[in-house]
Amino acid sequence: MKAAVHKKGTLSLSDLMENTRRKSDFCKIGAIATFIGVVRGETKNGRTVRELELEAYKEKADEVLQTICRELQTKEGIVDVQIHHFVGKFHMGEDLVYVLVAGGHRSNVFPVLEEAVERYKKEAPIFKRETITGKKGVPKSYWIGERKKE
């Protein structure tokens, strides 16, 4: 499986590495780069993040993530691209997304890794609801992108 949305806790970074190691053309790989997105403990404004809830339009998100992987895998020197995003309720430090790019050389994989991250963030229909500690210590929830200035 190259890309998909998964329930929290159903896939590990080791699973991704094993997927790559089992590829028939693993012998062409000289570099593997990964990105692990985790929950930050505070907002840009310094508010404490109590919880982050992620939802996705799964069928469309899976399709978008698979398209991104398929397109990026055609780049020179790239052997494997995987994007796996999690949904559910998360707390500070928990893993949200794994992106893996494998290729012949590090010069091949780093730019593709960055492009994969930027693309999934812009293109995949994955939605975040953040719960923070408000000014008066009262929990406050909002969908990312809809937050009003505090």
Protein backbone atom coordinates (compact mmCIF):
# COMPACT_ATOMS: atom_id res chain seq x y z
CA MET A 1 0.00 0.00 0.00
CA LYS A 2 1.58 3.24 -1.15
CA ALA A 3 -0.78 5.78 0.34
CA ALA A 4 -3.94 5.96 2.40
CA VAL A 5 -5.73 7.44 5.36
CA HIS A 6 -5.68 5.13 8.39
CA LYS A 7 -7.17 5.05 11.86
CA LYS A 8 -4.71 6.20 14.52
CA GLY A 9 -2.38 3.42 15.65
CA THR A 10 -2.92 1.00 12.77
CA LEU A 11 0.42 1.52 11.00
CA SER A 12 3.98 2.12 12.16
CA LEU A 13 7.05 3.63 10.55
CA SER A 14 8.54 0.12 10.65
CA ASP A 15 5.66 -1.07 8.47
CA LEU A 16 6.57 1.52 5.83
CA MET A 17 10.21 0.48 5.90
CA GLU A 18 9.22 -3.16 5.49
CA ASN A 19 6.97 -2.24 2.52
CA THR A 20 9.99 -0.61 0.88
CA ARG A 21 12.41 -3.44 1.71
CA ARG A 22 10.06 -5.98 0.06
CA LYS A 23 10.09 -4.12 -3.27
CA SER A 24 11.56 -6.16 -6.11
CA ASP A 25 13.78 -3.20 -7.09
CA PHE A 26 15.06 -2.53 -3.56
CA CYS A 27 18.58 -3.06 -4.91
CA LYS A 28 18.32 0.38 -6.60
CA ILE A 29 17.76 2.18 -3.29
CA GLY A 30 20.68 3.99 -1.67
CA ALA A 31 18.72 6.53 0.38
CA ILE A 32 15.47 6.55 2.31
CA ALA A 33 14.12 9.78 3.78
CA THR A 34 11.12 10.07 6.07
CA PHE A 35 8.93 12.83 7.42
CA ILE A 36 6.90 12.30 10.58
CA GLY A 37 4.29 14.96 11.31
CA VAL A 38 3.40 15.18 15.01
CA VAL A 39 0.94 17.18 17.12
CA ARG A 40 2.40 20.44 18.41
CA GLY A 41 1.64 21.31 22.02
CA GLU A 42 0.89 24.96 21.33
CA THR A 43 -0.56 27.20 18.64
CA LYS A 44 1.31 29.95 16.80
CA ASN A 45 -0.17 32.33 19.38
CA GLY A 46 1.21 30.32 22.30
CA ARG A 47 -2.08 28.71 23.37
CA THR A 48 -1.90 25.17 24.77
CA VAL A 49 -3.26 22.50 22.42
CA ARG A 50 -5.33 20.05 24.46
CA GLU A 51 -6.38 17.80 21.57
CA LEU A 52 -6.36 17.58 17.80
CA GLU A 53 -9.05 15.64 15.97
CA LEU A 54 -8.55 14.69 12.34
CA GLU A 55 -11.21 13.60 9.88
CA ALA A 56 -10.98 12.88 6.18
CA TYR A 57 -13.12 12.34 3.15
CA LYS A 58 -11.41 8.94 3.02
CA GLU A 59 -12.14 7.80 -0.54
CA LYS A 60 -11.05 11.13 -2.03
CA ALA A 61 -8.09 11.51 0.34
CA ASP A 62 -6.84 8.00 -0.53
CA GLU A 63 -7.18 8.83 -4.24
CA VAL A 64 -5.29 12.13 -3.86
CA LEU A 65 -2.50 10.58 -1.79
CA GLN A 66 -2.10 7.72 -4.27
CA THR A 67 -1.98 10.16 -7.20
CA ILE A 68 0.72 12.23 -5.48
CA CYS A 69 2.79 9.09 -4.82
CA ARG A 70 2.35 7.78 -8.35
CA GLU A 71 3.37 11.13 -9.90
CA LEU A 72 6.38 11.64 -7.63
CA GLN A 73 7.61 8.10 -8.19
CA THR A 74 8.21 8.98 -11.86
CA LYS A 75 10.91 11.51 -10.90
CA GLU A 76 14.50 10.64 -11.70
CA GLY A 77 16.13 8.25 -9.23
CA ILE A 78 12.96 7.63 -7.18
CA VAL A 79 11.99 4.03 -6.40
CA ASP A 80 9.25 4.39 -3.77
CA VAL A 81 6.97 7.11 -2.36
CA GLN A 82 4.50 6.47 0.46
CA ILE A 83 2.15 8.86 2.28
CA HIS A 84 0.10 7.56 5.20
CA HIS A 85 -2.08 10.00 7.18
CA PHE A 86 -3.92 9.14 10.37
CA VAL A 87 -7.38 10.17 11.58
CA GLY A 88 -8.82 10.15 15.07
CA LYS A 89 -8.13 12.06 18.28
CA PHE A 90 -4.54 12.98 19.07
CA HIS A 91 -2.54 14.61 21.84
CA MET A 92 0.77 16.44 21.88
CA GLY A 93 3.64 14.47 20.38
CA GLU A 94 1.52 11.78 18.70
CA ASP A 95 2.23 10.89 15.07
CA LEU A 96 -0.18 12.29 12.46
CA VAL A 97 1.45 11.41 9.16
CA TYR A 98 4.31 9.38 7.71
CA VAL A 99 5.89 10.22 4.37
CA LEU A 100 8.64 8.00 2.98
CA VAL A 101 10.68 8.54 -0.17
CA ALA A 102 13.29 6.04 -1.34
CA GLY A 103 15.66 6.46 -4.24
CA GLY A 104 19.11 5.98 -5.61
CA HIS A 105 20.76 8.93 -3.84
CA ARG A 106 19.97 11.49 -1.15
CA SER A 107 20.00 14.20 -3.79
CA ASN A 108 17.03 12.42 -5.40
CA VAL A 109 14.97 11.86 -2.27
CA PHE A 110 15.11 15.11 -0.26
CA PRO A 111 13.42 17.39 -2.84
CA VAL A 112 10.74 14.77 -3.51
CA LEU A 113 10.11 14.34 0.22
CA GLU A 114 9.52 18.08 0.59
CA GLU A 115 7.24 18.14 -2.45
CA ALA A 116 5.23 15.18 -1.12
CA VAL A 117 4.66 16.95 2.20
CA GLU A 118 3.67 20.25 0.60
CA ARG A 119 1.32 18.54 -1.83
CA TYR A 120 -0.56 16.34 0.64
CA LYS A 121 -1.10 19.36 2.92
CA LYS A 122 -2.63 21.36 0.04
CA GLU A 123 -4.43 18.65 -1.92
CA ALA A 124 -5.76 15.96 0.43
CA PRO A 125 -9.22 16.51 2.00
CA ILE A 126 -8.09 16.00 5.59
CA PHE A 127 -9.60 18.27 8.23
CA LYS A 128 -8.27 19.26 11.66
CA ARG A 129 -10.28 20.32 14.69
CA GLU A 130 -8.10 21.82 17.39
CA THR A 131 -9.07 22.14 21.05
CA ILE A 132 -7.04 24.72 22.94
CA THR A 133 -7.02 26.27 26.37
CA GLY A 134 -8.64 29.66 25.86
CA LYS A 135 -7.66 32.93 27.53
CA LYS A 136 -9.69 32.18 30.66
CA GLY A 137 -8.59 28.54 30.88
CA VAL A 138 -11.77 27.28 29.23
CA PRO A 139 -11.39 24.68 26.43
CA LYS A 140 -12.23 26.07 23.00
CA SER A 141 -12.55 24.02 19.78
CA TYR A 142 -12.43 25.13 16.14
CA TRP A 143 -11.66 23.72 12.73
CA ILE A 144 -8.23 24.81 11.52
CA GLY A 145 -8.73 27.64 9.05
CA GLU A 146 -11.88 28.85 10.84
CA ARG A 147 -10.31 30.12 14.05
CA LYS A 148 -11.14 33.69 14.98
CA LYS A 149 -8.42 35.91 16.40
CA GLU A 150 -8.25 35.55 20.16
